[in-house]
Amino acid sequence: MLKDTVEPRRIEVLVPMRWGDMDAYGHINNVQIVRILEEARIAAFGPPRGAGLPGVEPPAALFNDVEEGTMTLVVEHKVRYVRTLDYRNIPAVVEIWVGAIKGASFDLHYVIKDPVTREDCVKATTHLAFVAEATGRVLRLTPGQKEKLERYKA
């Protein structure tokens, strides 16, 4: 019998909610939602080259494998609040996967779920690009980067 070697299309990450993330209504503040997206992105794809290393190997090492002098930059965030994310003393559940892969950029998609009810609370997209630190120019994705991204494309 052949062993299934297909990797999952989505990566699930647990991101702690902090007491200070709450707004006056007991919900996680919208600014902190973007922080949760960032934490999930780094947990799934690794910290930018050199930062926080050594550390836990991410499920899809992408950001920590870029060449010296390459920055990973956010081009755009889109965030849709489906329902409020109440503060819990346990981590939020974040599903993250790859959307569009273009010549020089790509999209990551997220769903933040309430860790108790598992209901979708936030749906978001981040558009990213690799940029040469010395010139500020956007770099084309390498075949290796595209291959890593393809594994998590939904």
Protein backbone atom coordinates (compact mmCIF):
# COMPACT_ATOMS: atom_id res chain seq x y z
CA MET A 1 0.00 0.00 0.00
CA LEU A 2 1.35 3.43 -0.93
CA LYS A 3 1.70 5.99 1.82
CA ASP A 4 -0.12 9.26 1.16
CA THR A 5 2.59 11.89 0.65
CA VAL A 6 0.32 14.79 -0.23
CA GLU A 7 0.88 17.71 2.14
CA PRO A 8 -2.12 19.57 3.53
CA ARG A 9 -3.37 22.53 1.55
CA ARG A 10 -4.01 24.60 4.69
CA ILE A 11 -1.78 25.11 7.67
CA GLU A 12 -3.45 25.42 11.08
CA VAL A 13 -1.73 27.68 13.60
CA LEU A 14 -2.69 28.51 17.19
CA VAL A 15 -2.08 32.16 18.09
CA PRO A 16 -2.45 33.30 21.72
CA MET A 17 -4.92 36.06 22.44
CA ARG A 18 -3.52 38.55 24.95
CA TRP A 19 -5.51 40.27 27.69
CA GLY A 20 -4.45 43.63 26.26
CA ASP A 21 -5.83 42.69 22.82
CA MET A 22 -9.40 43.33 24.00
CA ASP A 23 -11.38 46.45 23.29
CA ALA A 24 -13.94 47.95 25.69
CA TYR A 25 -16.53 45.35 24.57
CA GLY A 26 -14.40 42.31 25.41
CA HIS A 27 -13.71 41.55 21.75
CA ILE A 28 -10.30 41.33 20.14
CA ASN A 29 -9.54 44.80 18.74
CA ASN A 30 -9.29 45.11 14.95
CA VAL A 31 -5.67 46.31 15.14
CA GLN A 32 -4.78 43.18 17.11
CA ILE A 33 -6.47 41.02 14.46
CA VAL A 34 -3.76 42.14 12.01
CA ARG A 35 -1.14 41.16 14.62
CA ILE A 36 -2.73 37.70 14.85
CA LEU A 37 -2.49 37.42 11.05
CA GLU A 38 1.20 38.31 11.21
CA GLU A 39 1.87 35.79 13.99
CA ALA A 40 0.11 33.07 11.98
CA ARG A 41 2.05 33.97 8.82
CA ILE A 42 5.40 33.74 10.65
CA ALA A 43 4.44 30.48 12.42
CA ALA A 44 3.41 28.92 9.09
CA PHE A 45 6.14 30.23 6.77
CA GLY A 46 9.01 31.16 9.13
CA PRO A 47 10.46 34.45 10.33
CA PRO A 48 12.29 36.72 7.89
CA ARG A 49 15.87 35.64 7.27
CA GLY A 50 17.99 35.82 10.40
CA ALA A 51 15.25 36.97 12.79
CA GLY A 52 14.34 34.70 15.67
CA LEU A 53 16.69 31.92 14.64
CA PRO A 54 17.37 29.27 15.68
CA GLY A 55 13.80 28.34 16.32
CA VAL A 56 11.04 25.92 15.48
CA GLU A 57 11.03 24.85 11.84
CA PRO A 58 7.81 26.13 10.24
CA PRO A 59 5.58 23.79 8.23
CA ALA A 60 6.52 25.66 5.03
CA ALA A 61 9.95 27.32 5.43
CA LEU A 62 9.72 30.17 2.93
CA PHE A 63 10.55 33.49 4.56
CA ASN A 64 13.58 32.26 6.48
CA ASP A 65 15.04 30.74 3.31
CA VAL A 66 15.23 33.93 1.22
CA GLU A 67 18.62 35.14 0.05
CA GLU A 68 20.66 37.67 2.01
CA GLY A 69 19.52 41.21 1.16
CA THR A 70 15.93 40.16 0.37
CA MET A 71 13.02 41.57 2.35
CA THR A 72 9.55 40.03 2.57
CA LEU A 73 7.09 42.92 2.46
CA VAL A 74 3.34 43.22 2.85
CA VAL A 75 1.82 44.99 -0.14
CA GLU A 76 -1.80 44.94 1.04
CA HIS A 77 -4.13 43.51 3.70
CA LYS A 78 -7.84 42.85 3.23
CA VAL A 79 -9.76 41.98 6.38
CA ARG A 80 -13.42 41.00 6.64
CA TYR A 81 -14.95 40.69 10.10
CA VAL A 82 -17.56 37.92 9.95
CA ARG A 83 -18.35 37.96 13.70
CA THR A 84 -16.61 39.28 16.78
CA LEU A 85 -13.71 37.29 18.16
CA ASP A 86 -14.24 37.21 21.91
CA TYR A 87 -11.22 37.17 24.18
CA ARG A 88 -10.44 33.64 25.32
CA ASN A 89 -7.69 32.47 27.63
CA ILE A 90 -6.72 29.96 24.93
CA PRO A 91 -5.20 30.56 21.48
CA ALA A 92 -7.24 31.53 18.43
CA VAL A 93 -7.25 28.98 15.62
CA VAL A 94 -5.93 30.36 12.33
CA GLU A 95 -6.07 28.49 9.03
CA ILE A 96 -3.66 29.87 6.44
CA TRP A 97 -3.14 28.90 2.80
CA VAL A 98 -1.81 30.26 -0.48
CA GLY A 99 -4.04 31.90 -3.05
CA ALA A 100 -2.78 33.54 -6.23
CA ILE A 101 0.88 33.05 -7.14
CA LYS A 102 2.10 35.64 -9.61
CA GLY A 103 5.49 36.31 -11.17
CA ALA A 104 6.69 38.58 -8.39
CA SER A 105 4.07 38.33 -5.64
CA PHE A 106 1.60 36.01 -3.95
CA ASP A 107 -1.45 36.02 -1.70
CA LEU A 108 -1.97 34.33 1.64
CA HIS A 109 -5.52 33.70 2.84
CA TYR A 110 -6.59 33.27 6.44
CA VAL A 111 -9.59 32.32 8.51
CA ILE A 112 -9.44 33.13 12.22
CA LYS A 113 -11.76 30.85 14.18
CA ASP A 114 -13.08 31.12 17.70
CA PRO A 115 -11.16 28.41 19.58
CA VAL A 116 -14.23 27.33 21.57
CA THR A 117 -17.03 27.40 18.98
CA ARG A 118 -14.78 26.93 15.89
CA GLU A 119 -16.94 29.54 14.13
CA ASP A 120 -15.28 31.73 11.49
CA CYS A 121 -14.68 35.21 12.91
CA VAL A 122 -12.30 36.84 10.43
CA LYS A 123 -11.47 36.18 6.78
CA ALA A 124 -8.41 37.95 5.43
CA THR A 125 -5.89 38.14 2.61
CA THR A 126 -2.33 39.45 2.61
CA HIS A 127 -0.58 40.29 -0.65
CA LEU A 128 3.22 39.90 -0.32
CA ALA A 129 6.33 40.42 -2.42
CA PHE A 130 10.06 39.90 -2.05
CA VAL A 131 12.06 43.11 -2.45
CA ALA A 132 15.79 43.70 -2.90
CA GLU A 133 16.96 45.63 0.15
CA ALA A 134 19.69 47.51 -1.76
CA THR A 135 17.50 48.75 -4.61
CA GLY A 136 13.93 48.58 -3.33
CA ARG A 137 12.94 46.65 -6.45
CA VAL A 138 10.45 43.82 -6.41
CA LEU A 139 12.07 40.45 -7.12
CA ARG A 140 10.56 37.70 -9.23
CA LEU A 141 9.66 34.52 -7.37
CA THR A 142 12.17 31.74 -7.90
CA PRO A 143 11.04 28.31 -9.10
CA GLY A 144 11.81 26.95 -5.60
CA GLN A 145 9.66 29.60 -3.94
CA LYS A 146 6.80 28.92 -6.34
CA GLU A 147 7.10 25.19 -5.65
CA LYS A 148 6.87 25.74 -1.87
CA LEU A 149 3.87 28.03 -2.32
CA GLU A 150 2.09 25.61 -4.68
CA ARG A 151 2.01 22.93 -1.95
CA TYR A 152 -0.33 25.13 0.09
CA LYS A 153 -2.46 26.54 -2.71
CA ALA A 154 -6.17 25.98 -2.25
